[in-house]
Amino acid sequence: QQALAEHCPVPVCTSALLQVPLVERLIPDNQRVGVLTYSAEALNAAHLEAAGVAADTPVVGIPRDSEFFRWIIEGDDQVPIEAIRDDALAAAKRLVAENPEVGAIVSECTNLTPFAADIRKETGLPVFDMVSMVTWFQMGLKPRTYVQD
């Protein structure tokens, strides 16, 4: 993120993880942001640090033997959407069950975005993802006009 920002003449947004420090300030001090990703093994401390996220932030990924993982890694377009959703919801529930201090979720994987509303409904927690990041980012670049001259 920072290397690109230093070399680009325009603002750069590389990851939904950039929201974690902001979301941390939106929830009580006794709560934490949890990160949901497709692969907890692939999302390492260096990735978190580059986004300004503490290395001890709770991170849960989708199991490698899941339909979701098969859909992403193998590109199997025959996997039923219900199975993919179920895997996403199971991972979100595990994130919260294993880390009861989680008060909000940042979904790092763009492939989880279609299930953000389901994750919110299932966990009762706010869910932030790349769409929320880009929406916020775009509003800074091109604010709405509220008053017409």
N, C-alpha and C. Protein backbone atom coordinates (compact mmCIF):
# COMPACT_ATOMS: atom_id res chain seq x y z
N GLN A 1 0.83 -1.19 0.00
CA GLN A 1 0.00 0.00 0.00
C GLN A 1 0.87 1.25 0.00
N GLN A 2 1.75 1.36 0.98
CA GLN A 2 2.53 2.59 1.11
C GLN A 2 3.47 2.80 -0.07
N ALA A 3 4.07 1.74 -0.56
CA ALA A 3 4.98 1.87 -1.71
C ALA A 3 4.23 2.39 -2.93
N LEU A 4 3.04 1.88 -3.17
CA LEU A 4 2.24 2.37 -4.29
C LEU A 4 1.80 3.81 -4.07
N ALA A 5 1.37 4.11 -2.86
CA ALA A 5 0.92 5.48 -2.56
C ALA A 5 2.05 6.48 -2.77
N GLU A 6 3.27 6.07 -2.43
CA GLU A 6 4.43 6.96 -2.60
C GLU A 6 4.74 7.24 -4.06
N HIS A 7 4.41 6.32 -4.94
CA HIS A 7 4.80 6.45 -6.35
C HIS A 7 3.66 6.80 -7.29
N CYS A 8 2.46 6.95 -6.79
CA CYS A 8 1.32 7.28 -7.64
C CYS A 8 0.90 8.73 -7.43
N PRO A 9 0.55 9.42 -8.49
CA PRO A 9 0.13 10.81 -8.35
C PRO A 9 -1.31 10.97 -7.85
N VAL A 10 -2.01 9.85 -7.69
CA VAL A 10 -3.40 9.87 -7.20
C VAL A 10 -3.50 8.96 -5.98
N PRO A 11 -4.51 9.14 -5.14
CA PRO A 11 -4.69 8.24 -3.99
C PRO A 11 -4.86 6.78 -4.44
N VAL A 12 -4.36 5.88 -3.62
CA VAL A 12 -4.38 4.45 -3.93
C VAL A 12 -5.02 3.68 -2.78
N CYS A 13 -5.85 2.73 -3.11
CA CYS A 13 -6.49 1.86 -2.12
C CYS A 13 -6.29 0.42 -2.58
N THR A 14 -5.49 -0.34 -1.85
CA THR A 14 -5.14 -1.68 -2.30
C THR A 14 -5.85 -2.82 -1.58
N SER A 15 -6.47 -2.55 -0.44
CA SER A 15 -6.99 -3.67 0.35
C SER A 15 -8.11 -3.23 1.28
N ALA A 16 -9.07 -4.11 1.45
CA ALA A 16 -10.13 -3.88 2.44
C ALA A 16 -9.56 -3.80 3.85
N LEU A 17 -8.38 -4.37 4.05
CA LEU A 17 -7.74 -4.34 5.37
C LEU A 17 -7.44 -2.92 5.84
N LEU A 18 -7.36 -1.98 4.91
CA LEU A 18 -7.11 -0.58 5.30
C LEU A 18 -8.22 -0.05 6.20
N GLN A 19 -9.37 -0.70 6.21
CA GLN A 19 -10.49 -0.28 7.05
C GLN A 19 -10.33 -0.69 8.51
N VAL A 20 -9.49 -1.67 8.78
CA VAL A 20 -9.39 -2.21 10.14
C VAL A 20 -9.08 -1.12 11.17
N PRO A 21 -8.05 -0.28 10.98
CA PRO A 21 -7.79 0.75 11.99
C PRO A 21 -8.97 1.70 12.20
N LEU A 22 -9.68 2.04 11.14
CA LEU A 22 -10.87 2.89 11.27
C LEU A 22 -11.97 2.18 12.03
N VAL A 23 -12.27 0.96 11.65
CA VAL A 23 -13.34 0.20 12.30
C VAL A 23 -13.03 -0.03 13.77
N GLU A 24 -11.75 -0.21 14.11
CA GLU A 24 -11.37 -0.36 15.52
C GLU A 24 -11.82 0.83 16.35
N ARG A 25 -11.84 1.99 15.74
CA ARG A 25 -12.24 3.20 16.46
C ARG A 25 -13.75 3.39 16.51
N LEU A 26 -14.48 2.57 15.78
CA LEU A 26 -15.94 2.65 15.76
C LEU A 26 -16.59 1.76 16.81
N ILE A 27 -15.82 0.84 17.37
CA ILE A 27 -16.37 -0.11 18.33
C ILE A 27 -15.74 0.13 19.70
N PRO A 28 -16.37 -0.36 20.77
CA PRO A 28 -15.83 -0.15 22.12
C PRO A 28 -14.42 -0.72 22.28
N ASP A 29 -13.69 -0.15 23.23
CA ASP A 29 -12.30 -0.56 23.49
C ASP A 29 -12.17 -2.04 23.87
N ASN A 30 -13.21 -2.62 24.44
CA ASN A 30 -13.13 -4.03 24.85
C ASN A 30 -13.47 -4.99 23.71
N GLN A 31 -13.68 -4.44 22.51
CA GLN A 31 -13.95 -5.28 21.34
C GLN A 31 -12.82 -5.13 20.33
N ARG A 32 -12.77 -6.10 19.42
CA ARG A 32 -11.74 -6.08 18.37
C ARG A 32 -12.38 -6.32 17.02
N VAL A 33 -11.66 -5.94 16.01
CA VAL A 33 -12.06 -6.26 14.64
C VAL A 33 -11.52 -7.65 14.32
N GLY A 34 -12.35 -8.47 13.72
CA GLY A 34 -11.91 -9.77 13.23
C GLY A 34 -11.84 -9.73 11.71
N VAL A 35 -10.89 -10.45 11.16
CA VAL A 35 -10.72 -10.48 9.71
C VAL A 35 -11.14 -11.85 9.18
N LEU A 36 -11.98 -11.81 8.17
CA LEU A 36 -12.42 -13.02 7.49
C LEU A 36 -11.75 -13.05 6.12
N THR A 37 -11.12 -14.17 5.79
CA THR A 37 -10.38 -14.29 4.53
C THR A 37 -10.58 -15.68 3.95
N TYR A 38 -10.22 -15.85 2.70
CA TYR A 38 -10.36 -17.18 2.12
C TYR A 38 -9.26 -18.11 2.63
N SER A 39 -8.07 -17.57 2.96
CA SER A 39 -6.97 -18.40 3.44
C SER A 39 -6.21 -17.70 4.55
N ALA A 40 -6.39 -18.16 5.77
CA ALA A 40 -5.67 -17.58 6.90
C ALA A 40 -4.17 -17.82 6.77
N GLU A 41 -3.78 -18.90 6.10
CA GLU A 41 -2.36 -19.19 5.91
C GLU A 41 -1.71 -18.18 4.95
N ALA A 42 -2.46 -17.76 3.95
CA ALA A 42 -1.91 -16.83 2.95
C ALA A 42 -1.86 -15.39 3.46
N LEU A 43 -2.72 -15.06 4.40
CA LEU A 43 -2.76 -13.70 4.95
C LEU A 43 -1.85 -13.66 6.18
N ASN A 44 -0.63 -13.22 5.99
CA ASN A 44 0.34 -13.28 7.08
C ASN A 44 0.54 -11.93 7.77
N ALA A 45 1.39 -11.93 8.77
CA ALA A 45 1.64 -10.72 9.57
C ALA A 45 2.16 -9.57 8.72
N ALA A 46 2.94 -9.86 7.69
CA ALA A 46 3.46 -8.79 6.82
C ALA A 46 2.33 -8.09 6.07
N HIS A 47 1.34 -8.87 5.61
CA HIS A 47 0.19 -8.26 4.95
C HIS A 47 -0.57 -7.36 5.92
N LEU A 48 -0.78 -7.86 7.12
CA LEU A 48 -1.51 -7.08 8.12
C LEU A 48 -0.75 -5.79 8.44
N GLU A 49 0.54 -5.92 8.69
CA GLU A 49 1.36 -4.76 9.03
C GLU A 49 1.34 -3.71 7.93
N ALA A 50 1.39 -4.14 6.68
CA ALA A 50 1.39 -3.20 5.55
C ALA A 50 0.10 -2.39 5.49
N ALA A 51 -0.96 -2.93 6.06
CA ALA A 51 -2.25 -2.23 6.08
C ALA A 51 -2.48 -1.49 7.40
N GLY A 52 -1.48 -1.52 8.29
CA GLY A 52 -1.63 -0.86 9.58
C GLY A 52 -2.45 -1.65 10.57
N VAL A 53 -2.45 -2.97 10.41
CA VAL A 53 -3.25 -3.86 11.25
C VAL A 53 -2.32 -4.64 12.18
N ALA A 54 -2.68 -4.73 13.45
CA ALA A 54 -1.87 -5.47 14.43
C ALA A 54 -1.76 -6.94 14.03
N ALA A 55 -0.57 -7.50 14.23
CA ALA A 55 -0.31 -8.89 13.86
C ALA A 55 -1.16 -9.87 14.66
N ASP A 56 -1.62 -9.47 15.85
CA ASP A 56 -2.43 -10.38 16.67
C ASP A 56 -3.93 -10.23 16.42
N THR A 57 -4.30 -9.55 15.35
CA THR A 57 -5.70 -9.41 14.99
C THR A 57 -6.28 -10.79 14.67
N PRO A 58 -7.46 -11.11 15.20
CA PRO A 58 -8.07 -12.41 14.89
C PRO A 58 -8.33 -12.54 13.38
N VAL A 59 -7.85 -13.63 12.81
CA VAL A 59 -8.03 -13.91 11.38
C VAL A 59 -8.52 -15.34 11.23
N VAL A 60 -9.60 -15.52 10.50
CA VAL A 60 -10.12 -16.86 10.22
C VAL A 60 -10.32 -16.99 8.72
N GLY A 61 -9.90 -18.13 8.20
CA GLY A 61 -10.06 -18.42 6.78
C GLY A 61 -11.05 -19.54 6.54
N ILE A 62 -11.33 -19.74 5.29
CA ILE A 62 -12.22 -20.83 4.87
C ILE A 62 -11.38 -22.12 4.84
N PRO A 63 -11.91 -23.23 5.36
CA PRO A 63 -11.14 -24.48 5.34
C PRO A 63 -10.77 -24.91 3.91
N ARG A 64 -9.59 -25.48 3.77
CA ARG A 64 -9.10 -25.89 2.45
C ARG A 64 -9.94 -27.00 1.83
N ASP A 65 -10.66 -27.76 2.63
CA ASP A 65 -11.48 -28.84 2.09
C ASP A 65 -12.92 -28.42 1.83
N SER A 66 -13.17 -27.13 1.81
CA SER A 66 -14.54 -26.62 1.64
C SER A 66 -14.90 -26.44 0.17
N GLU A 67 -16.19 -26.32 -0.07
CA GLU A 67 -16.69 -26.02 -1.41
C GLU A 67 -16.24 -24.63 -1.84
N PHE A 68 -16.22 -23.70 -0.91
CA PHE A 68 -15.78 -22.33 -1.20
C PHE A 68 -14.35 -22.35 -1.73
N PHE A 69 -13.49 -23.07 -1.05
CA PHE A 69 -12.08 -23.14 -1.45
C PHE A 69 -11.96 -23.78 -2.83
N ARG A 70 -12.74 -24.83 -3.06
CA ARG A 70 -12.72 -25.49 -4.38
C ARG A 70 -13.17 -24.53 -5.47
N TRP A 71 -14.17 -23.73 -5.16
CA TRP A 71 -14.68 -22.74 -6.11
C TRP A 71 -13.60 -21.71 -6.44
N ILE A 72 -12.89 -21.22 -5.41
CA ILE A 72 -11.86 -20.19 -5.61
C ILE A 72 -10.61 -20.77 -6.27
N ILE A 73 -10.04 -21.80 -5.70
CA ILE A 73 -8.75 -22.33 -6.15
C ILE A 73 -8.86 -23.12 -7.45
N GLU A 74 -9.87 -23.97 -7.52
CA GLU A 74 -10.01 -24.81 -8.72
C GLU A 74 -10.86 -24.15 -9.80
N GLY A 75 -11.55 -23.08 -9.44
CA GLY A 75 -12.41 -22.41 -10.42
C GLY A 75 -13.61 -23.25 -10.83
N ASP A 76 -14.05 -24.12 -9.94
CA ASP A 76 -15.18 -25.00 -10.24
C ASP A 76 -16.48 -24.20 -10.20
N ASP A 77 -17.03 -23.89 -11.37
CA ASP A 77 -18.25 -23.08 -11.42
C ASP A 77 -19.52 -23.91 -11.24
N GLN A 78 -19.35 -25.19 -10.94
CA GLN A 78 -20.50 -26.06 -10.67
C GLN A 78 -20.83 -26.14 -9.18
N VAL A 79 -20.02 -25.51 -8.35
CA VAL A 79 -20.28 -25.52 -6.91
C VAL A 79 -21.54 -24.69 -6.65
N PRO A 80 -22.53 -25.27 -5.97
CA PRO A 80 -23.77 -24.52 -5.70
C PRO A 80 -23.50 -23.30 -4.82
N ILE A 81 -24.14 -22.20 -5.17
CA ILE A 81 -23.97 -20.96 -4.42
C ILE A 81 -24.35 -21.15 -2.96
N GLU A 82 -25.31 -22.01 -2.68
CA GLU A 82 -25.73 -22.26 -1.29
C GLU A 82 -24.58 -22.87 -0.49
N ALA A 83 -23.81 -23.76 -1.12
CA ALA A 83 -22.68 -24.38 -0.43
C ALA A 83 -21.58 -23.35 -0.16
N ILE A 84 -21.37 -22.46 -1.12
CA ILE A 84 -20.37 -21.41 -0.95
C ILE A 84 -20.79 -20.48 0.18
N ARG A 85 -22.06 -20.10 0.19
CA ARG A 85 -22.59 -19.24 1.26
C ARG A 85 -22.46 -19.94 2.62
N ASP A 86 -22.81 -21.21 2.67
CA ASP A 86 -22.72 -21.95 3.94
C ASP A 86 -21.29 -21.97 4.47
N ASP A 87 -20.31 -22.14 3.58
CA ASP A 87 -18.91 -22.13 4.00
C ASP A 87 -18.50 -20.75 4.53
N ALA A 88 -18.96 -19.70 3.86
CA ALA A 88 -18.65 -18.34 4.31
C ALA A 88 -19.27 -18.07 5.68
N LEU A 89 -20.51 -18.48 5.86
CA LEU A 89 -21.19 -18.27 7.14
C LEU A 89 -20.54 -19.09 8.25
N ALA A 90 -20.14 -20.31 7.94
CA ALA A 90 -19.48 -21.15 8.95
C ALA A 90 -18.17 -20.51 9.40
N ALA A 91 -17.42 -19.95 8.47
CA ALA A 91 -16.15 -19.29 8.83
C ALA A 91 -16.41 -18.06 9.68
N ALA A 92 -17.43 -17.29 9.34
CA ALA A 92 -17.76 -16.09 10.13
C ALA A 92 -18.18 -16.48 11.54
N LYS A 93 -19.00 -17.52 11.66
CA LYS A 93 -19.43 -17.98 12.98
C LYS A 93 -18.24 -18.50 13.79
N ARG A 94 -17.31 -19.16 13.12
CA ARG A 94 -16.10 -19.65 13.81
C ARG A 94 -15.24 -18.49 14.29
N LEU A 95 -15.11 -17.45 13.46
CA LEU A 95 -14.35 -16.25 13.84
C LEU A 95 -14.89 -15.69 15.15
N VAL A 96 -16.20 -15.58 15.24
CA VAL A 96 -16.83 -15.00 16.44
C VAL A 96 -16.78 -15.97 17.61
N ALA A 97 -17.00 -17.26 17.36
CA ALA A 97 -16.98 -18.25 18.45
C ALA A 97 -15.59 -18.37 19.07
N GLU A 98 -14.55 -18.34 18.23
CA GLU A 98 -13.18 -18.46 18.73
C GLU A 98 -12.64 -17.16 19.30
N ASN A 99 -13.29 -16.06 18.98
CA ASN A 99 -12.83 -14.73 19.41
C ASN A 99 -14.05 -13.91 19.84
N PRO A 100 -14.60 -14.21 21.02
CA PRO A 100 -15.83 -13.55 21.44
C PRO A 100 -15.70 -12.04 21.60
N GLU A 101 -14.47 -11.53 21.60
CA GLU A 101 -14.26 -10.09 21.70
C GLU A 101 -14.45 -9.37 20.36
N VAL A 102 -14.65 -10.13 19.29
CA VAL A 102 -14.85 -9.52 17.97
C VAL A 102 -16.18 -8.76 17.95
N GLY A 103 -16.09 -7.47 17.62
CA GLY A 103 -17.28 -6.62 17.57
C GLY A 103 -17.61 -6.11 16.18
N ALA A 104 -16.75 -6.43 15.21
CA ALA A 104 -16.98 -6.07 13.81
C ALA A 104 -16.09 -6.96 12.96
N ILE A 105 -16.50 -7.16 11.72
CA ILE A 105 -15.76 -8.02 10.80
C ILE A 105 -15.34 -7.22 9.58
N VAL A 106 -14.07 -7.39 9.20
CA VAL A 106 -13.60 -6.89 7.91
C VAL A 106 -13.33 -8.12 7.05
N SER A 107 -14.03 -8.18 5.94
CA SER A 107 -13.88 -9.28 5.00
C SER A 107 -12.79 -8.92 4.01
N GLU A 108 -11.66 -9.60 4.09
CA GLU A 108 -10.51 -9.28 3.25
C GLU A 108 -10.67 -9.83 1.84
N CYS A 109 -11.35 -10.92 1.70
CA CYS A 109 -11.50 -11.60 0.41
C CYS A 109 -12.67 -11.02 -0.37
N THR A 110 -12.41 -10.55 -1.58
CA THR A 110 -13.49 -9.98 -2.39
C THR A 110 -14.56 -11.01 -2.73
N ASN A 111 -14.22 -12.28 -2.73
CA ASN A 111 -15.20 -13.31 -3.03
C ASN A 111 -16.18 -13.56 -1.89
N LEU A 112 -15.93 -12.97 -0.74
CA LEU A 112 -16.87 -13.06 0.38
C LEU A 112 -17.91 -11.95 0.33
N THR A 113 -17.67 -10.92 -0.46
CA THR A 113 -18.57 -9.76 -0.52
C THR A 113 -20.02 -10.12 -0.81
N PRO A 114 -20.32 -11.06 -1.72
CA PRO A 114 -21.73 -11.38 -1.96
C PRO A 114 -22.47 -11.90 -0.73
N PHE A 115 -21.73 -12.29 0.28
CA PHE A 115 -22.34 -12.87 1.48
C PHE A 115 -22.28 -11.93 2.68
N ALA A 116 -21.88 -10.68 2.47
CA ALA A 116 -21.73 -9.73 3.58
C ALA A 116 -23.04 -9.55 4.34
N ALA A 117 -24.15 -9.41 3.64
CA ALA A 117 -25.44 -9.24 4.33
C ALA A 117 -25.80 -10.50 5.11
N ASP A 118 -25.52 -11.67 4.55
CA ASP A 118 -25.79 -12.92 5.26
C ASP A 118 -24.91 -13.04 6.51
N ILE A 119 -23.65 -12.63 6.39
CA ILE A 119 -22.73 -12.68 7.53
C ILE A 119 -23.21 -11.73 8.62
N ARG A 120 -23.65 -10.54 8.22
CA ARG A 120 -24.19 -9.56 9.18
C ARG A 120 -25.41 -10.14 9.90
N LYS A 121 -26.30 -10.74 9.12
CA LYS A 121 -27.52 -11.33 9.70
C LYS A 121 -27.18 -12.48 10.65
N GLU A 122 -26.25 -13.31 10.25
CA GLU A 122 -25.88 -14.50 11.04
C GLU A 122 -25.15 -14.14 12.33
N THR A 123 -24.24 -13.16 12.26
CA THR A 123 -23.41 -12.82 13.42
C THR A 123 -23.95 -11.65 14.22
N GLY A 124 -24.77 -10.82 13.59
CA GLY A 124 -25.26 -9.61 14.25
C GLY A 124 -24.22 -8.50 14.30
N LEU A 125 -23.10 -8.69 13.61
CA LEU A 125 -22.00 -7.72 13.65
C LEU A 125 -21.93 -6.92 12.35
N PRO A 126 -21.42 -5.68 12.44
CA PRO A 126 -21.18 -4.94 11.21
C PRO A 126 -20.11 -5.65 10.37
N VAL A 127 -20.29 -5.60 9.06
CA VAL A 127 -19.36 -6.25 8.14
C VAL A 127 -18.88 -5.22 7.13
N PHE A 128 -17.58 -5.10 7.02
CA PHE A 128 -16.95 -4.18 6.07
C PHE A 128 -16.16 -5.01 5.07
N ASP A 129 -16.17 -4.59 3.82
CA ASP A 129 -15.48 -5.33 2.78
C ASP A 129 -14.93 -4.38 1.73
N MET A 130 -14.49 -4.90 0.61
CA MET A 130 -13.91 -4.05 -0.42
C MET A 130 -14.94 -3.08 -0.99
N VAL A 131 -16.20 -3.49 -1.05
CA VAL A 131 -17.23 -2.59 -1.57
C VAL A 131 -17.41 -1.40 -0.64
N SER A 132 -17.44 -1.64 0.66
CA SER A 132 -17.55 -0.50 1.59
C SER A 132 -16.30 0.37 1.50
N MET A 133 -15.14 -0.24 1.30
CA MET A 133 -13.89 0.51 1.16
C MET A 133 -13.92 1.40 -0.09
N VAL A 134 -14.29 0.82 -1.21
CA VAL A 134 -14.30 1.57 -2.47
C VAL A 134 -15.37 2.66 -2.45
N THR A 135 -16.52 2.38 -1.84
CA THR A 135 -17.57 3.39 -1.74
C THR A 135 -17.06 4.60 -0.96
N TRP A 136 -16.44 4.35 0.19
CA TRP A 136 -15.87 5.42 1.00
C TRP A 136 -14.79 6.17 0.23
N PHE A 137 -13.90 5.42 -0.40
CA PHE A 137 -12.78 5.98 -1.16
C PHE A 137 -13.30 6.87 -2.30
N GLN A 138 -14.27 6.37 -3.04
CA GLN A 138 -14.84 7.12 -4.16
C GLN A 138 -15.52 8.41 -3.69
N MET A 139 -16.17 8.36 -2.54
CA MET A 139 -16.84 9.56 -2.02
C MET A 139 -15.82 10.65 -1.69
N GLY A 140 -14.62 10.28 -1.35
CA GLY A 140 -13.58 11.27 -1.11
C GLY A 140 -13.04 11.87 -2.41
N LEU A 141 -13.01 11.05 -3.44
CA LEU A 141 -12.51 11.52 -4.74
C LEU A 141 -13.54 12.33 -5.51
N LYS A 142 -14.80 11.96 -5.36
CA LYS A 142 -15.87 12.63 -6.08
C LYS A 142 -17.08 12.78 -5.15
N PRO A 143 -17.02 13.75 -4.24
CA PRO A 143 -18.12 13.93 -3.29
C PRO A 143 -19.43 14.25 -3.99
N ARG A 144 -20.52 13.87 -3.35
CA ARG A 144 -21.85 14.21 -3.86
C ARG A 144 -22.06 15.71 -3.78
N THR A 145 -22.85 16.20 -4.68
CA THR A 145 -23.25 17.61 -4.64
C THR A 145 -24.61 17.68 -3.95
N TYR A 146 -24.68 18.44 -2.87
CA TYR A 146 -25.93 18.57 -2.13
C TYR A 146 -26.61 19.90 -2.36
N VAL A 147 -25.83 20.90 -2.70
CA VAL A 147 -26.39 22.23 -2.92
C VAL A 147 -26.10 22.63 -4.36
N GLN A 148 -27.15 22.94 -5.08
CA GLN A 148 -26.99 23.38 -6.46
C GLN A 148 -26.90 24.90 -6.50
N ASP A 149 -26.01 25.42 -7.32
CA ASP A 149 -25.88 26.87 -7.48
C ASP A 149 -26.98 27.41 -8.37
